């Protein structure tokens, strides 16, 4: 029997010849523009490399789908972006390679540095934004926005704020010293956000806050979030966790390093969310709470069906500890292969259980390990190096397909099983010949 003829490539992917030609025509229209401070830049020029525009707002008002705006070194007033790109043709604003483009004044429409309002498929990359009146970067009523490799410091309320923004990527940013609230705040029922590889430190409240905000409309639930490979420290002096989830469901929290946190490490609950924080996976995180903090893991308000594996949870606080999980939250809980302080509670600390008592009360953490001090777990915790030393966190974990590598991209497992926490391996040799114990902590290399 003769086989069926092969379809043309365009038809195989759902394109007609006309639509494919239309796509090519659109792609050919994509332009690259430049912005530079006066006297080189002027909004009356063509926006070319040799004749750049002068203001971000003029660029934002001029672009179309597929355009890229390269911003040269200098100080700028912020911008509001209301024009959408497409999946195939995003609009990109980025600082020129190796140059510092600073936003030093709020945009003319909102009290934020850069505001993305009702615009989809927009990329904002590589800016330095300090001291803005509300957020360094704000993105609302949008889809498929990328906020990448920006440095945001000492903004009044948030480093990055998003609302009703689906399929969001927040990646590789540094967000620090927010005066009132959080480093990164993802709000208002925005589903499928990815918050990856950010450095988040010394913010007054939460490092990362996710809130479904049922009071603001929508279903009040943030679903299918991925929060991974973030380094989060020194947050919460004004209250707030390293990672906070209010109405967050079916989401993945993996390979995060949280230390010196002044409230709890990771919190899952319901206050303004549309439902409790159910069905989440908390895997291979290292969480170390300061002596003025609370619990390593905090699960409340009937948040059920959560999976907690291969983590390190320890609090330096005198009478708090590893996990505070409400008695109603134990339903569907799967917790095991963790390395913890020997302190647990089912009633927010009114009574405290040892690991042995916790096992009896809940049936959980049968292969978990309790330690009395964290100092022997790590290469040099005093100086902020939380790579593993030889000890109880090595090979104690379960092999998890959801965690194929560690915070630094090293494949798991090295040895018989996964190690607990965000780092895999002891004495791992890097390409430069240094061992893991010689690696400089992120806190020593802040921007």
Protein backbone atom coordinates (compact mmCIF):
# COMPACT_ATOMS: atom_id res chain seq x y z
CA UNK A 1 0.00 0.00 0.00
CA UNK A 2 1.34 3.42 -0.92
CA UNK A 3 2.10 5.70 2.00
CA UNK A 4 0.39 9.03 2.26
CA UNK A 5 2.31 11.96 0.76
CA UNK A 6 4.16 14.23 3.16
CA UNK A 7 2.43 17.49 3.95
CA UNK A 8 4.25 20.75 3.22
CA UNK A 9 6.02 22.04 6.35
CA UNK A 10 3.79 25.10 6.71
CA UNK A 11 0.62 22.99 6.57
CA UNK A 12 2.03 20.46 9.04
CA UNK A 13 2.25 23.24 11.61
CA UNK A 14 -1.18 24.63 10.86
CA UNK A 15 -0.14 27.45 8.47
CA UNK A 16 -1.72 28.11 5.12
CA UNK A 17 0.62 29.43 2.46
CA UNK A 18 -0.97 32.86 2.84
CA UNK A 19 -0.61 32.95 6.63
CA UNK A 20 2.97 31.75 6.40
CA UNK A 21 3.83 34.55 3.98
CA UNK A 22 2.05 36.99 6.28
CA UNK A 23 4.16 35.74 9.20
CA UNK A 24 7.35 36.26 7.17
CA UNK A 25 6.21 39.74 6.22
CA UNK A 26 5.60 40.64 9.85
CA UNK A 27 8.98 39.24 10.90
CA UNK A 28 10.70 41.32 8.22
CA UNK A 29 9.23 44.47 9.78
CA UNK A 30 10.95 43.93 13.13
CA UNK A 31 13.34 46.81 13.76
CA UNK A 32 16.10 47.58 16.23
CA UNK A 33 16.12 51.05 17.78
CA UNK A 34 18.53 52.80 20.11
CA UNK A 35 18.15 55.24 22.99
CA UNK A 36 20.99 57.38 24.41
CA UNK A 37 21.11 60.50 26.59
CA UNK A 38 21.48 63.93 25.00
CA UNK A 39 23.37 65.38 23.30
CA UNK A 40 23.77 62.18 21.26
CA UNK A 41 20.14 61.22 21.68
CA UNK A 42 17.14 63.19 20.45
CA UNK A 43 13.53 62.09 20.03
CA UNK A 44 13.47 63.95 16.72
CA UNK A 45 16.00 61.53 15.23
CA UNK A 46 15.47 58.19 13.52
CA UNK A 47 16.25 56.02 16.54
CA UNK A 48 19.12 54.33 14.75
CA UNK A 49 22.44 53.42 16.34
CA UNK A 50 24.03 56.55 14.94
CA UNK A 51 21.01 58.80 15.56
CA UNK A 52 19.35 57.41 18.73
CA UNK A 53 16.26 58.63 20.50
CA UNK A 54 16.68 60.35 23.86
CA UNK A 55 13.81 59.03 26.05
CA UNK A 56 12.45 55.67 27.00
CA UNK A 57 8.88 56.89 26.72
CA UNK A 58 9.34 57.96 23.10
CA UNK A 59 10.69 54.49 22.37
CA UNK A 60 7.76 52.85 24.17
CA UNK A 61 5.32 54.96 22.16
CA UNK A 62 7.02 54.10 18.86
CA UNK A 63 7.61 50.34 18.91
CA UNK A 64 5.61 47.58 17.27
CA UNK A 65 5.61 43.80 17.61
CA UNK A 66 9.06 42.33 17.02
CA UNK A 67 10.99 45.52 17.73
CA UNK A 68 14.02 45.67 20.01
CA UNK A 69 15.10 48.84 21.82
CA UNK A 70 18.72 48.93 22.99
CA UNK A 71 19.33 51.51 25.72
CA UNK A 72 22.82 52.97 26.05
CA UNK A 73 24.46 53.92 29.36
CA UNK A 74 22.97 56.92 31.12
CA UNK A 75 20.22 58.17 33.42
CA UNK A 76 16.60 58.09 32.24
CA UNK A 77 13.05 58.93 33.24
CA UNK A 78 11.01 55.73 33.33
CA UNK A 79 8.43 54.58 30.79
CA UNK A 80 4.97 53.06 30.48
CA UNK A 81 4.54 50.34 27.84
CA UNK A 82 1.03 49.67 26.49
CA UNK A 83 1.87 48.07 23.12
CA UNK A 84 1.90 44.27 22.84
CA UNK A 85 4.20 42.02 20.94
CA UNK A 86 3.27 38.49 19.93
CA UNK A 87 4.56 35.06 20.85
CA UNK A 88 6.72 34.99 17.73
CA UNK A 89 7.53 38.71 17.79
CA UNK A 90 7.98 40.03 21.34
CA UNK A 91 8.89 43.63 22.06
CA UNK A 92 12.21 43.90 23.88
CA UNK A 93 13.72 46.76 25.85
CA UNK A 94 17.23 46.02 27.05
CA UNK A 95 20.31 47.78 28.28
CA UNK A 96 23.22 47.68 25.86
CA UNK A 97 25.68 44.89 26.61
CA UNK A 98 28.13 45.90 29.33
CA UNK A 99 26.47 49.29 29.92
CA UNK A 100 24.46 50.61 32.87
CA UNK A 101 21.14 52.14 31.90
CA UNK A 102 19.63 53.69 35.03
CA UNK A 103 16.02 54.67 35.58
CA UNK A 104 16.26 57.58 38.02
CA UNK A 105 12.72 59.01 37.88
CA UNK A 106 9.22 57.54 37.78
CA UNK A 107 7.40 57.30 34.47
CA UNK A 108 4.86 60.01 33.72
CA UNK A 109 1.80 57.78 34.24
CA UNK A 110 2.40 55.81 37.45
CA UNK A 111 4.72 56.10 40.47
CA UNK A 112 6.93 53.29 39.13
CA UNK A 113 10.15 53.16 37.17
CA UNK A 114 8.97 50.92 34.31
CA UNK A 115 5.25 50.13 34.00
CA UNK A 116 3.91 47.43 31.64
CA UNK A 117 0.16 48.04 31.44
CA UNK A 118 -2.08 45.74 29.40
CA UNK A 119 0.80 44.78 27.12
CA UNK A 120 1.60 41.15 26.30
CA UNK A 121 4.86 39.58 25.09
CA UNK A 122 7.15 42.29 26.41
CA UNK A 123 10.74 41.75 27.63
CA UNK A 124 12.46 44.21 30.01
CA UNK A 125 16.09 43.35 30.57
CA UNK A 126 19.23 44.70 32.15
CA UNK A 127 18.11 47.99 33.75
CA UNK A 128 19.23 49.51 37.04
CA UNK A 129 16.25 51.01 38.91
CA UNK A 130 16.67 52.50 42.38
CA UNK A 131 14.54 54.58 44.69
CA UNK A 132 11.29 54.71 42.72
CA UNK A 133 8.05 55.90 44.27
CA UNK A 134 6.30 52.52 44.26
CA UNK A 135 7.80 49.64 42.23
CA UNK A 136 10.98 49.46 40.26
CA UNK A 137 9.15 47.42 37.58
CA UNK A 138 5.38 46.91 37.51
CA UNK A 139 3.51 44.61 35.08
CA UNK A 140 -0.30 44.29 35.18
CA UNK A 141 -3.12 42.90 33.00
CA UNK A 142 -0.67 41.09 30.79
CA UNK A 143 0.56 37.73 29.50
CA UNK A 144 3.98 36.33 28.64
CA UNK A 145 6.00 39.19 30.10
CA UNK A 146 9.71 38.61 30.81
CA UNK A 147 11.52 40.63 33.51
CA UNK A 148 15.16 39.57 33.37
CA UNK A 149 18.59 40.60 34.69
CA UNK A 150 17.52 43.89 36.24
CA UNK A 151 18.96 45.37 39.43
CA UNK A 152 16.32 46.99 41.67
CA UNK A 153 17.29 48.55 44.98
CA UNK A 154 15.65 50.74 47.64
CA UNK A 155 12.35 51.18 45.82
CA UNK A 156 9.58 52.41 48.05
CA UNK A 157 7.21 49.44 48.07
CA UNK A 158 8.41 46.65 45.75
CA UNK A 159 11.33 45.80 43.55
CA UNK A 160 9.05 43.97 41.09
CA UNK A 161 5.24 43.93 41.24
CA UNK A 162 2.86 42.05 38.94
CA UNK A 163 -0.92 41.72 38.89
CA UNK A 164 -3.24 39.59 36.75
CA UNK A 165 -0.24 38.56 34.67
CA UNK A 166 -0.27 34.98 33.34
CA UNK A 167 2.76 33.03 32.08
CA UNK A 168 5.19 35.46 33.61
CA UNK A 169 8.96 34.94 33.79
CA UNK A 170 10.95 36.81 36.47
CA UNK A 171 14.52 35.65 36.05
CA UNK A 172 18.02 36.65 37.09
CA UNK A 173 17.10 39.89 38.83
CA UNK A 174 18.54 41.41 41.99
CA UNK A 175 15.83 42.94 44.20
CA UNK A 176 16.89 44.48 47.49
CA UNK A 177 16.06 46.97 50.25
CA UNK A 178 12.40 47.57 49.38
CA UNK A 179 11.44 50.10 52.03
CA UNK A 180 7.86 49.05 52.81
CA UNK A 181 7.17 45.59 51.41
CA UNK A 182 8.63 42.89 49.18
CA UNK A 183 11.44 42.15 46.79
CA UNK A 184 9.11 40.42 44.31
CA UNK A 185 5.30 40.49 44.59
CA UNK A 186 3.23 38.33 42.19
CA UNK A 187 -0.45 39.03 42.80
CA UNK A 188 -4.02 38.84 41.55
CA UNK A 189 -4.64 35.33 40.26
CA UNK A 190 -1.80 35.35 37.73
CA UNK A 191 -1.22 31.70 36.79
CA UNK A 192 1.93 29.86 35.75
CA UNK A 193 4.51 32.40 36.91
CA UNK A 194 8.16 31.33 36.89
CA UNK A 195 10.40 33.05 39.45
CA UNK A 196 13.89 31.75 38.82
CA UNK A 197 17.48 32.53 39.69
CA UNK A 198 16.89 35.84 41.45
CA UNK A 199 18.96 37.38 44.25
CA UNK A 200 16.54 38.82 46.82
CA UNK A 201 17.83 40.40 50.01
CA UNK A 202 17.20 42.87 52.83
CA UNK A 203 13.63 43.75 51.84
CA UNK A 204 11.44 44.97 54.69
CA UNK A 205 8.77 42.29 54.30
CA UNK A 206 8.76 39.16 52.13
CA UNK A 207 11.51 38.17 49.78
CA UNK A 208 8.95 36.68 47.35
CA UNK A 209 5.24 37.18 47.99
CA UNK A 210 2.54 35.46 45.95
CA UNK A 211 -1.06 36.39 46.77
CA UNK A 212 -4.16 35.34 44.85
CA UNK A 213 -6.00 38.45 46.15
CA UNK A 214 -9.61 37.27 45.93
CA UNK A 215 -10.60 40.73 47.18
CA UNK A 216 -9.37 42.17 43.87
CA UNK A 217 -11.38 39.83 41.61
CA UNK A 218 -10.50 36.72 39.64
CA UNK A 219 -10.47 33.29 41.25
CA UNK A 220 -8.00 34.37 43.93
CA UNK A 221 -5.67 31.45 43.21
CA UNK A 222 -2.18 31.42 41.70
CA UNK A 223 -1.71 28.01 40.05
CA UNK A 224 1.26 26.11 38.63
CA UNK A 225 3.94 28.52 39.76
CA UNK A 226 7.59 27.48 39.62
CA UNK A 227 9.86 29.14 42.20
CA UNK A 228 13.38 27.82 41.82
CA UNK A 229 17.08 28.55 42.20
CA UNK A 230 16.59 31.80 44.09
CA UNK A 231 18.99 33.07 46.78
CA UNK A 232 16.96 34.90 49.43
CA UNK A 233 18.40 36.37 52.62
CA UNK A 234 18.00 39.11 55.23
CA UNK A 235 14.31 39.72 54.50
CA UNK A 236 11.40 40.14 56.92
CA UNK A 237 12.50 42.67 59.51
CA UNK A 238 9.04 44.17 59.11
CA UNK A 239 7.41 40.71 58.99
CA UNK A 240 7.14 38.35 56.05
CA UNK A 241 8.68 35.10 54.89
CA UNK A 242 11.52 34.37 52.54
CA UNK A 243 8.86 32.88 50.23
CA UNK A 244 5.19 33.57 50.98
CA UNK A 245 2.23 31.86 49.30
CA UNK A 246 -1.36 32.97 49.98
CA UNK A 247 -3.78 30.99 47.81
CA UNK A 248 -1.00 29.28 45.81
CA UNK A 249 -1.83 25.82 44.45
CA UNK A 250 -0.20 22.99 42.51
CA UNK A 251 3.10 24.84 42.43
CA UNK A 252 6.75 23.83 42.70
CA UNK A 253 9.30 25.32 45.09
CA UNK A 254 12.75 23.81 44.53
CA UNK A 255 16.43 24.52 45.00
CA UNK A 256 15.94 27.81 46.82
CA UNK A 257 18.48 29.01 49.38
CA UNK A 258 16.84 31.04 52.15
CA UNK A 259 18.92 32.23 55.09
CA UNK A 260 18.99 34.88 57.79
CA UNK A 261 15.24 35.27 57.29
CA UNK A 262 13.61 37.27 60.09
CA UNK A 263 10.16 35.67 59.95
CA UNK A 264 9.45 32.22 58.49
CA UNK A 265 11.31 30.60 55.63
CA UNK A 266 8.54 29.24 53.36
CA UNK A 267 4.88 29.92 54.23
CA UNK A 268 1.78 28.42 52.59
CA UNK A 269 -1.62 29.61 53.82
CA UNK A 270 -4.86 31.45 53.01
CA UNK A 271 -5.69 34.98 54.11
CA UNK A 272 -6.64 36.94 50.99
CA UNK A 273 -6.27 34.00 48.62
CA UNK A 274 -9.35 32.44 47.08
CA UNK A 275 -8.50 29.02 48.58
CA UNK A 276 -5.88 27.43 50.83
CA UNK A 277 -2.43 26.71 49.42
CA UNK A 278 -3.00 23.08 48.43
CA UNK A 279 -1.10 20.57 46.34
CA UNK A 280 2.32 22.22 46.32
CA UNK A 281 5.72 20.53 46.15
CA UNK A 282 8.48 21.89 48.40
CA UNK A 283 11.65 20.09 47.34
CA UNK A 284 15.37 20.42 48.03
CA UNK A 285 15.30 23.86 49.61
CA UNK A 286 17.79 25.06 52.23
CA UNK A 287 15.99 27.23 54.81
CA UNK A 288 17.79 28.78 57.80
CA UNK A 289 15.83 31.13 60.05
CA UNK A 290 17.51 33.92 62.05
CA UNK A 291 17.32 34.04 65.83
CA UNK A 292 14.52 36.64 65.63
CA UNK A 293 12.55 34.59 63.09
CA UNK A 294 9.89 31.89 63.21
CA UNK A 295 9.64 28.48 61.50
CA UNK A 296 11.52 27.00 58.59
CA UNK A 297 8.28 25.77 56.96
CA UNK A 298 4.94 27.30 57.92
CA UNK A 299 1.72 25.71 56.54
CA UNK A 300 -1.62 26.99 57.85
CA UNK A 301 -5.33 27.58 57.20
CA UNK A 302 -6.25 24.10 56.00
CA UNK A 303 -3.61 24.01 53.26
CA UNK A 304 -3.56 20.31 52.42
CA UNK A 305 -1.99 17.81 50.04
CA UNK A 306 1.47 19.37 50.07
CA UNK A 307 4.67 17.37 49.43
CA UNK A 308 7.76 18.29 51.46
CA UNK A 309 10.93 16.34 50.62
CA UNK A 310 14.70 16.64 50.69
CA UNK A 311 14.77 20.02 52.44
CA UNK A 312 16.91 21.45 55.21
CA UNK A 313 14.81 23.37 57.79
CA UNK A 314 16.44 24.95 60.81
CA UNK A 315 15.66 27.95 63.01
CA UNK A 316 18.09 29.68 65.33
CA UNK A 317 15.13 31.03 67.30
CA UNK A 318 15.05 29.82 70.90
CA UNK A 319 11.61 28.18 70.95
CA UNK A 320 10.61 27.85 67.29
CA UNK A 321 12.00 25.31 64.86
CA UNK A 322 11.71 23.31 61.67
CA UNK A 323 8.02 23.00 60.76
CA UNK A 324 4.76 24.55 61.89
CA UNK A 325 1.96 22.67 60.11
CA UNK A 326 -1.59 23.07 61.37
CA UNK A 327 -3.37 19.89 62.43
CA UNK A 328 -5.92 20.31 59.62
CA UNK A 329 -3.05 20.72 57.14
CA UNK A 330 -1.72 17.21 57.78
CA UNK A 331 -4.40 15.78 55.50
CA UNK A 332 -2.67 14.58 52.34
CA UNK A 333 0.72 15.80 53.56
CA UNK A 334 3.73 13.80 52.35
CA UNK A 335 6.87 14.87 54.23
CA UNK A 336 10.08 12.84 54.29
CA UNK A 337 13.84 12.75 53.75
CA UNK A 338 14.31 16.18 55.29
CA UNK A 339 17.13 17.36 57.57
CA UNK A 340 15.60 19.40 60.36
CA UNK A 341 15.89 20.91 63.76
CA UNK A 342 14.30 18.61 66.35
CA UNK A 343 11.30 20.91 66.82
CA UNK A 344 7.86 20.65 65.16
CA UNK A 345 4.40 21.95 65.99
CA UNK A 346 0.79 21.30 65.03
CA UNK A 347 -0.58 24.37 66.84
CA UNK A 348 1.74 27.24 65.84
CA UNK A 349 4.09 26.69 68.73
CA UNK A 350 1.66 26.36 71.63
CA UNK A 351 3.17 22.90 72.00
CA UNK A 352 6.39 21.60 70.47
CA UNK A 353 7.12 18.05 69.30
CA UNK A 354 10.41 16.27 68.77
CA UNK A 355 10.92 14.47 65.47
CA UNK A 356 10.04 11.21 67.18
CA UNK A 357 6.81 12.69 68.59
CA UNK A 358 6.04 14.27 65.21
CA UNK A 359 6.33 10.87 63.55
CA UNK A 360 3.95 9.35 66.06
CA UNK A 361 1.43 12.18 65.73
CA UNK A 362 1.47 12.48 61.93
CA UNK A 363 3.12 9.41 60.40
CA UNK A 364 5.43 11.76 58.50
CA UNK A 365 9.22 12.16 58.15
CA UNK A 366 10.05 8.54 58.89
CA UNK A 367 13.37 8.84 56.99
CA UNK A 368 14.08 12.43 58.00
CA UNK A 369 17.04 13.33 60.22
CA UNK A 370 17.11 15.74 63.17
CA UNK A 371 20.27 17.73 63.93
CA UNK A 372 21.15 19.89 66.90
CA UNK A 373 23.32 22.39 65.02
CA UNK A 374 23.63 23.48 61.42
CA UNK A 375 27.28 24.43 61.61
CA UNK A 376 28.52 20.93 60.77
CA UNK A 377 26.17 20.62 57.78
CA UNK A 378 27.86 23.29 55.68
CA UNK A 379 31.29 24.30 54.49
CA UNK A 380 31.16 27.66 56.32
CA UNK A 381 27.72 28.85 57.34
CA UNK A 382 29.18 31.77 59.31
CA UNK A 383 30.50 33.32 56.10
CA UNK A 384 27.46 32.37 54.01
CA UNK A 385 28.81 29.28 52.24
CA UNK A 386 26.02 26.72 52.43
CA UNK A 387 27.55 24.07 50.21
CA UNK A 388 27.41 20.75 52.04
CA UNK A 389 30.18 19.39 54.17
CA UNK A 390 30.30 15.67 54.72
CA UNK A 391 27.47 14.95 57.13
CA UNK A 392 23.84 13.94 57.65
CA UNK A 393 22.49 15.91 54.67
CA UNK A 394 24.50 13.85 52.17
CA UNK A 395 22.63 11.02 50.36
CA UNK A 396 19.69 11.33 52.75
CA UNK A 397 17.20 12.43 50.10
CA UNK A 398 14.87 10.64 47.77
CA UNK A 399 15.72 10.61 44.08
CA UNK A 400 13.16 13.02 42.62
CA UNK A 401 12.46 13.49 38.92
CA UNK A 402 11.19 16.97 39.74
CA UNK A 403 14.68 18.02 40.88
CA UNK A 404 17.15 16.84 38.23
CA UNK A 405 19.87 19.30 39.24
CA UNK A 406 20.83 21.68 42.04
CA UNK A 407 20.90 25.45 42.47
CA UNK A 408 24.15 25.68 40.51
CA UNK A 409 22.99 23.35 37.73
CA UNK A 410 24.89 20.29 38.95
CA UNK A 411 23.12 17.04 38.00
CA UNK A 412 21.52 15.07 40.83
CA UNK A 413 22.30 12.65 42.32
CA UNK A 414 26.00 12.56 43.04
CA UNK A 415 26.26 9.35 45.00
CA UNK A 416 23.57 6.89 46.02
CA UNK A 417 20.73 9.39 46.48
CA UNK A 418 19.89 13.06 46.37
CA UNK A 419 21.42 15.23 49.06
CA UNK A 420 19.11 17.37 51.18
CA UNK A 421 18.96 21.09 50.49
CA UNK A 422 19.67 23.22 47.44
CA UNK A 423 23.24 21.97 46.79
CA UNK A 424 24.30 18.53 45.59
CA UNK A 425 27.66 16.93 46.32
CA UNK A 426 30.56 17.33 48.72
CA UNK A 427 33.93 18.58 47.48
CA UNK A 428 32.64 18.99 43.93
CA UNK A 429 35.32 20.32 41.60
CA UNK A 430 34.32 23.17 39.32
CA UNK A 431 35.78 23.88 35.90
CA UNK A 432 38.20 26.40 37.39
CA UNK A 433 39.65 23.74 39.70
CA UNK A 434 38.12 25.06 42.92
CA UNK A 435 36.18 22.77 45.21
CA UNK A 436 32.69 23.55 46.36
CA UNK A 437 34.01 24.64 49.73
CA UNK A 438 36.01 27.36 48.03
CA UNK A 439 33.04 28.80 46.17
CA UNK A 440 32.21 32.40 47.03
CA UNK A 441 28.73 32.86 48.43
CA UNK A 442 26.36 35.07 46.50
CA UNK A 443 26.19 37.48 49.42
CA UNK A 444 29.84 38.35 48.88
CA UNK A 445 29.29 39.32 45.23
CA UNK A 446 26.32 41.65 45.39
CA UNK A 447 25.83 44.11 42.53
